[in-house]
């Protein structure tokens, strides 16, 4: 992804779907926006973003604000 580019990520557990937006902020900084409970944002590294998208980490592991 290019810096400033947005991508929607859809999580589906078979019952409900949740869409998040992944944004590349800089070379090493990424941001996830969640709209499931208002508008929440978490900053993360590339490694964390990949783990999050793959479902390898829980969304509660991040500092949402």
PDB file of N, CA and C in Angstrom:
ATOM      1  N   UNK A   1       0.844  -1.188   0.000  1.00  0.00           N
ATOM      2  CA  UNK A   1       0.000   0.000   0.000  1.00  0.00           C
ATOM      3  C   UNK A   1       0.883   1.243   0.000  1.00  0.00           C
ATOM      4  N   UNK A   2       0.410   2.272  -0.659  1.00  0.00           N
ATOM      5  CA  UNK A   2       1.099   3.556  -0.673  1.00  0.00           C
ATOM      6  C   UNK A   2       0.755   4.334   0.588  1.00  0.00           C
ATOM      7  N   UNK A   3       1.616   5.253   0.983  1.00  0.00           N
ATOM      8  CA  UNK A   3       1.329   6.107   2.132  1.00  0.00           C
ATOM      9  C   UNK A   3       0.071   6.911   1.838  1.00  0.00           C
ATOM     10  N   UNK A   4      -0.856   6.925   2.791  1.00  0.00           N
ATOM     11  CA  UNK A   4      -2.132   7.615   2.646  1.00  0.00           C
ATOM     12  C   UNK A   4      -3.241   6.764   2.038  1.00  0.00           C
ATOM     13  N   UNK A   5      -2.899   5.568   1.561  1.00  0.00           N
ATOM     14  CA  UNK A   5      -3.895   4.688   0.941  1.00  0.00           C
ATOM     15  C   UNK A   5      -4.756   4.014   2.002  1.00  0.00           C
ATOM     16  N   UNK A   6      -6.050   3.843   1.690  1.00  0.00           N
ATOM     17  CA  UNK A   6      -7.025   3.186   2.572  1.00  0.00           C
ATOM     18  C   UNK A   6      -7.454   1.859   1.961  1.00  0.00           C
ATOM     19  N   UNK A   7      -7.664   0.855   2.808  1.00  0.00           N
ATOM     20  CA  UNK A   7      -8.232  -0.426   2.377  1.00  0.00           C
ATOM     21  C   UNK A   7      -9.259  -0.861   3.411  1.00  0.00           C
ATOM     22  N   UNK A   8     -10.397  -1.347   2.950  1.00  0.00           N
ATOM     23  CA  UNK A   8     -11.396  -1.905   3.854  1.00  0.00           C
ATOM     24  C   UNK A   8     -11.070  -3.362   4.115  1.00  0.00           C
ATOM     25  N   UNK A   9     -11.217  -3.768   5.369  1.00  0.00           N
ATOM     26  CA  UNK A   9     -11.004  -5.146   5.787  1.00  0.00           C
ATOM     27  C   UNK A   9     -12.316  -5.626   6.383  1.00  0.00           C
ATOM     28  N   UNK A  10     -12.829  -6.746   5.908  1.00  0.00           N
ATOM     29  CA  UNK A  10     -14.095  -7.282   6.402  1.00  0.00           C
ATOM     30  C   UNK A  10     -13.813  -8.561   7.188  1.00  0.00           C
ATOM     31  N   UNK A  11     -14.229  -8.559   8.448  1.00  0.00           N
ATOM     32  CA  UNK A  11     -14.120  -9.733   9.299  1.00  0.00           C
ATOM     33  C   UNK A  11     -15.491 -10.388   9.360  1.00  0.00           C
ATOM     34  N   UNK A  12     -15.549 -11.706   9.240  1.00  0.00           N
ATOM     35  CA  UNK A  12     -16.808 -12.433   9.233  1.00  0.00           C
ATOM     36  C   UNK A  12     -16.641 -13.690  10.075  1.00  0.00           C
ATOM     37  N   UNK A  13     -17.484 -13.835  11.092  1.00  0.00           N
ATOM     38  CA  UNK A  13     -17.413 -15.024  11.937  1.00  0.00           C
ATOM     39  C   UNK A  13     -18.531 -16.015  11.619  1.00  0.00           C
ATOM     40  N   UNK A  14     -19.226 -15.819  10.510  1.00  0.00           N
ATOM     41  CA  UNK A  14     -20.318 -16.692  10.123  1.00  0.00           C
ATOM     42  C   UNK A  14     -21.671 -16.177  10.568  1.00  0.00           C
ATOM     43  N   UNK A  15     -21.678 -15.302  11.564  1.00  0.00           N
ATOM     44  CA  UNK A  15     -22.929 -14.728  12.068  1.00  0.00           C
ATOM     45  C   UNK A  15     -22.967 -13.229  11.792  1.00  0.00           C
ATOM     46  N   UNK A  16     -21.883 -12.556  12.093  1.00  0.00           N
ATOM     47  CA  UNK A  16     -21.826 -11.103  11.936  1.00  0.00           C
ATOM     48  C   UNK A  16     -20.596 -10.707  11.129  1.00  0.00           C
ATOM     49  N   UNK A  17     -20.708  -9.556  10.497  1.00  0.00           N
ATOM     50  CA  UNK A  17     -19.590  -8.998   9.738  1.00  0.00           C
ATOM     51  C   UNK A  17     -19.208  -7.658  10.343  1.00  0.00           C
ATOM     52  N   UNK A  18     -17.916  -7.371  10.359  1.00  0.00           N
ATOM     53  CA  UNK A  18     -17.418  -6.077  10.827  1.00  0.00           C
ATOM     54  C   UNK A  18     -16.402  -5.568   9.818  1.00  0.00           C
ATOM     55  N   UNK A  19     -16.559  -4.337   9.404  1.00  0.00           N
ATOM     56  CA  UNK A  19     -15.631  -3.729   8.458  1.00  0.00           C
ATOM     57  C   UNK A  19     -14.751  -2.720   9.178  1.00  0.00           C
ATOM     58  N   UNK A  20     -13.457  -2.830   8.951  1.00  0.00           N
ATOM     59  CA  UNK A  20     -12.480  -1.891   9.495  1.00  0.00           C
ATOM     60  C   UNK A  20     -11.756  -1.257   8.310  1.00  0.00           C
ATOM     61  N   UNK A  21     -11.167  -0.092   8.520  1.00  0.00           N
ATOM     62  CA  UNK A  21     -10.390   0.572   7.489  1.00  0.00           C
ATOM     63  C   UNK A  21      -8.929   0.603   7.913  1.00  0.00           C
ATOM     64  N   UNK A  22      -8.047   0.104   7.060  1.00  0.00           N
ATOM     65  CA  UNK A  22      -6.612   0.114   7.289  1.00  0.00           C
ATOM     66  C   UNK A  22      -6.016   1.259   6.473  1.00  0.00           C
ATOM     67  N   UNK A  23      -5.213   2.099   7.113  1.00  0.00           N
ATOM     68  CA  UNK A  23      -4.602   3.250   6.456  1.00  0.00           C
ATOM     69  C   UNK A  23      -3.098   3.211   6.704  1.00  0.00           C
ATOM     70  N   UNK A  24      -2.332   3.387   5.637  1.00  0.00           N
ATOM     71  CA  UNK A  24      -0.888   3.488   5.808  1.00  0.00           C
ATOM     72  C   UNK A  24      -0.555   4.954   6.065  1.00  0.00           C
ATOM     73  N   UNK A  25      -0.069   5.245   7.269  1.00  0.00           N
ATOM     74  CA  UNK A  25       0.226   6.606   7.696  1.00  0.00           C
ATOM     75  C   UNK A  25       1.615   7.041   7.223  1.00  0.00           C
ATOM     76  N   UNK A  26       2.596   6.162   7.375  1.00  0.00           N
ATOM     77  CA  UNK A  26       3.967   6.441   6.955  1.00  0.00           C
ATOM     78  C   UNK A  26       4.634   5.110   6.618  1.00  0.00           C
ATOM     79  N   UNK A  27       5.932   5.136   6.389  1.00  0.00           N
ATOM     80  CA  UNK A  27       6.639   3.915   6.014  1.00  0.00           C
ATOM     81  C   UNK A  27       6.440   2.798   7.038  1.00  0.00           C
ATOM     82  N   UNK A  28       6.447   3.145   8.323  1.00  0.00           N
ATOM     83  CA  UNK A  28       6.373   2.134   9.376  1.00  0.00           C
ATOM     84  C   UNK A  28       5.163   2.283  10.291  1.00  0.00           C
ATOM     85  N   UNK A  29       4.220   3.114   9.939  1.00  0.00           N
ATOM     86  CA  UNK A  29       3.071   3.370  10.805  1.00  0.00           C
ATOM     87  C   UNK A  29       1.765   3.124  10.063  1.00  0.00           C
ATOM     88  N   UNK A  30       0.869   2.399  10.704  1.00  0.00           N
ATOM     89  CA  UNK A  30      -0.425   2.051  10.141  1.00  0.00           C
ATOM     90  C   UNK A  30      -1.507   2.419  11.138  1.00  0.00           C
ATOM     91  N   UNK A  31      -2.713   2.591  10.651  1.00  0.00           N
ATOM     92  CA  UNK A  31      -3.842   2.936  11.506  1.00  0.00           C
ATOM     93  C   UNK A  31      -5.037   2.086  11.106  1.00  0.00           C
ATOM     94  N   UNK A  32      -5.752   1.604  12.105  1.00  0.00           N
ATOM     95  CA  UNK A  32      -7.005   0.876  11.888  1.00  0.00           C
ATOM     96  C   UNK A  32      -8.130   1.744  12.434  1.00  0.00           C
ATOM     97  N   UNK A  33      -9.174   1.922  11.633  1.00  0.00           N
ATOM     98  CA  UNK A  33     -10.378   2.613  12.080  1.00  0.00           C
ATOM     99  C   UNK A  33     -11.503   1.595  12.177  1.00  0.00           C
ATOM    100  N   UNK A  34     -12.168   1.591  13.327  1.00  0.00           N
ATOM    101  CA  UNK A  34     -13.295   0.695  13.562  1.00  0.00           C
ATOM    102  C   UNK A  34     -14.539   1.530  13.811  1.00  0.00           C
ATOM    103  N   UNK A  35     -15.635   1.117  13.204  1.00  0.00           N
ATOM    104  CA  UNK A  35     -16.898   1.835  13.365  1.00  0.00           C
ATOM    105  C   UNK A  35     -17.953   0.952  14.033  1.00  0.00           C
ATOM    106  N   UNK A  36     -17.516  -0.113  14.714  1.00  0.00           N
ATOM    107  CA  UNK A  36     -18.449  -1.046  15.338  1.00  0.00           C
ATOM    108  C   UNK A  36     -19.064  -0.508  16.621  1.00  0.00           C
ATOM    109  N   UNK A  37     -18.367   0.428  17.287  1.00  0.00           N
ATOM    110  CA  UNK A  37     -18.876   1.029  18.519  1.00  0.00           C
ATOM    111  C   UNK A  37     -18.499   2.504  18.514  1.00  0.00           C
ATOM    112  N   UNK A  38     -19.106   3.266  17.631  1.00  0.00           N
ATOM    113  CA  UNK A  38     -18.674   4.648  17.413  1.00  0.00           C
ATOM    114  C   UNK A  38     -17.509   4.644  16.433  1.00  0.00           C
ATOM    115  N   UNK A  39     -16.578   5.577  16.600  1.00  0.00           N
ATOM    116  CA  UNK A  39     -15.397   5.632  15.737  1.00  0.00           C
ATOM    117  C   UNK A  39     -14.175   5.471  16.605  1.00  0.00           C
ATOM    118  N   UNK A  40     -13.508   4.335  16.489  1.00  0.00           N
ATOM    119  CA  UNK A  40     -12.310   4.033  17.258  1.00  0.00           C
ATOM    120  C   UNK A  40     -11.120   3.919  16.317  1.00  0.00           C
ATOM    121  N   UNK A  41      -9.950   4.350  16.781  1.00  0.00           N
ATOM    122  CA  UNK A  41      -8.733   4.317  15.989  1.00  0.00           C
ATOM    123  C   UNK A  41      -7.607   3.721  16.814  1.00  0.00           C
ATOM    124  N   UNK A  42      -6.778   2.892  16.180  1.00  0.00           N
ATOM    125  CA  UNK A  42      -5.589   2.337  16.835  1.00  0.00           C
ATOM    126  C   UNK A  42      -4.411   2.456  15.879  1.00  0.00           C
ATOM    127  N   UNK A  43      -3.260   2.861  16.418  1.00  0.00           N
ATOM    128  CA  UNK A  43      -2.025   2.939  15.650  1.00  0.00           C
ATOM    129  C   UNK A  43      -1.232   1.667  15.863  1.00  0.00           C
ATOM    130  N   UNK A  44      -0.520   1.229  14.813  1.00  0.00           N
ATOM    131  CA  UNK A  44       0.240  -0.006  14.932  1.00  0.00           C
ATOM    132  C   UNK A  44       1.368  -0.058  13.912  1.00  0.00           C
ATOM    133  N   UNK A  45       2.273  -0.991  14.133  1.00  0.00           N
ATOM    134  CA  UNK A  45       3.364  -1.221  13.191  1.00  0.00           C
ATOM    135  C   UNK A  45       2.872  -2.116  12.058  1.00  0.00           C
ATOM    136  N   UNK A  46       3.705  -2.291  11.044  1.00  0.00           N
ATOM    137  CA  UNK A  46       3.352  -3.179   9.938  1.00  0.00           C
ATOM    138  C   UNK A  46       3.136  -4.601  10.439  1.00  0.00           C
ATOM    139  N   UNK A  47       4.025  -5.077  11.311  1.00  0.00           N
ATOM    140  CA  UNK A  47       3.893  -6.441  11.849  1.00  0.00           C
ATOM    141  C   UNK A  47       2.558  -6.604  12.576  1.00  0.00           C
ATOM    142  N   UNK A  48       2.203  -5.636  13.410  1.00  0.00           N
ATOM    143  CA  UNK A  48       0.937  -5.699  14.130  1.00  0.00           C
ATOM    144  C   UNK A  48      -0.245  -5.652  13.168  1.00  0.00           C
ATOM    145  N   UNK A  49      -0.160  -4.818  12.127  1.00  0.00           N
ATOM    146  CA  UNK A  49      -1.249  -4.714  11.151  1.00  0.00           C
ATOM    147  C   UNK A  49      -1.462  -6.040  10.427  1.00  0.00           C
ATOM    148  N   UNK A  50      -0.369  -6.695  10.037  1.00  0.00           N
ATOM    149  CA  UNK A  50      -0.476  -7.994   9.363  1.00  0.00           C
ATOM    150  C   UNK A  50      -1.098  -9.023  10.291  1.00  0.00           C
ATOM    151  N   UNK A  51      -0.652  -9.077  11.537  1.00  0.00           N
ATOM    152  CA  UNK A  51      -1.213 -10.022  12.512  1.00  0.00           C
ATOM    153  C   UNK A  51      -2.693  -9.748  12.743  1.00  0.00           C
ATOM    154  N   UNK A  52      -3.064  -8.477  12.811  1.00  0.00           N
ATOM    155  CA  UNK A  52      -4.460  -8.103  13.033  1.00  0.00           C
ATOM    156  C   UNK A  52      -5.342  -8.549  11.873  1.00  0.00           C
ATOM    157  N   UNK A  53      -4.905  -8.265  10.656  1.00  0.00           N
ATOM    158  CA  UNK A  53      -5.686  -8.627   9.472  1.00  0.00           C
ATOM    159  C   UNK A  53      -5.820 -10.142   9.346  1.00  0.00           C
ATOM    160  N   UNK A  54      -4.788 -10.883   9.691  1.00  0.00           N
ATOM    161  CA  UNK A  54      -4.822 -12.341   9.634  1.00  0.00           C
ATOM    162  C   UNK A  54      -5.641 -12.940  10.775  1.00  0.00           C
ATOM    163  N   UNK A  55      -5.987 -12.130  11.781  1.00  0.00           N
ATOM    164  CA  UNK A  55      -6.756 -12.619  12.919  1.00  0.00           C
ATOM    165  C   UNK A  55      -5.897 -13.274  13.984  1.00  0.00           C
ATOM    166  N   UNK A  56      -4.589 -12.996  13.960  1.00  0.00           N
ATOM    167  CA  UNK A  56      -3.664 -13.610  14.914  1.00  0.00           C
ATOM    168  C   UNK A  56      -3.574 -12.867  16.242  1.00  0.00           C
ATOM    169  N   UNK A  57      -4.167 -11.684  16.340  1.00  0.00           N
ATOM    170  CA  UNK A  57      -4.195 -10.927  17.593  1.00  0.00           C
ATOM    171  C   UNK A  57      -5.619 -10.461  17.849  1.00  0.00           C
ATOM    172  N   UNK A  58      -5.927 -10.249  19.098  1.00  0.00           N
ATOM    173  CA  UNK A  58      -7.245  -9.766  19.489  1.00  0.00           C
ATOM    174  C   UNK A  58      -7.275  -8.243  19.377  1.00  0.00           C
ATOM    175  N   UNK A  59      -8.406  -7.703  18.973  1.00  0.00           N
ATOM    176  CA  UNK A  59      -8.495  -6.256  18.798  1.00  0.00           C
ATOM    177  C   UNK A  59      -8.355  -5.524  20.128  1.00  0.00           C
ATOM    178  N   UNK A  60      -8.573  -6.205  21.250  1.00  0.00           N
ATOM    179  CA  UNK A  60      -8.406  -5.598  22.569  1.00  0.00           C
ATOM    180  C   UNK A  60      -6.935  -5.419  22.938  1.00  0.00           C
ATOM    181  N   UNK A  61      -6.017  -5.988  22.145  1.00  0.00           N
ATOM    182  CA  UNK A  61      -4.589  -5.857  22.401  1.00  0.00           C
ATOM    183  C   UNK A  61      -4.053  -4.477  22.026  1.00  0.00           C
ATOM    184  N   UNK A  62      -4.863  -3.646  21.378  1.00  0.00           N
ATOM    185  CA  UNK A  62      -4.411  -2.345  20.908  1.00  0.00           C
ATOM    186  C   UNK A  62      -5.025  -1.238  21.749  1.00  0.00           C
ATOM    187  N   UNK A  63      -4.356  -0.097  21.764  1.00  0.00           N
ATOM    188  CA  UNK A  63      -4.832   1.083  22.490  1.00  0.00           C
ATOM    189  C   UNK A  63      -5.775   1.863  21.571  1.00  0.00           C
ATOM    190  N   UNK A  64      -7.055   1.572  21.654  1.00  0.00           N
ATOM    191  CA  UNK A  64      -8.058   2.234  20.815  1.00  0.00           C
ATOM    192  C   UNK A  64      -8.420   3.569  21.450  1.00  0.00           C
ATOM    193  N   UNK A  65      -8.572   4.582  20.627  1.00  0.00           N
ATOM    194  CA  UNK A  65      -8.970   5.906  21.112  1.00  0.00           C
ATOM    195  C   UNK A  65      -9.905   6.564  20.118  1.00  0.00           C
TER     196      UNK A  65
END
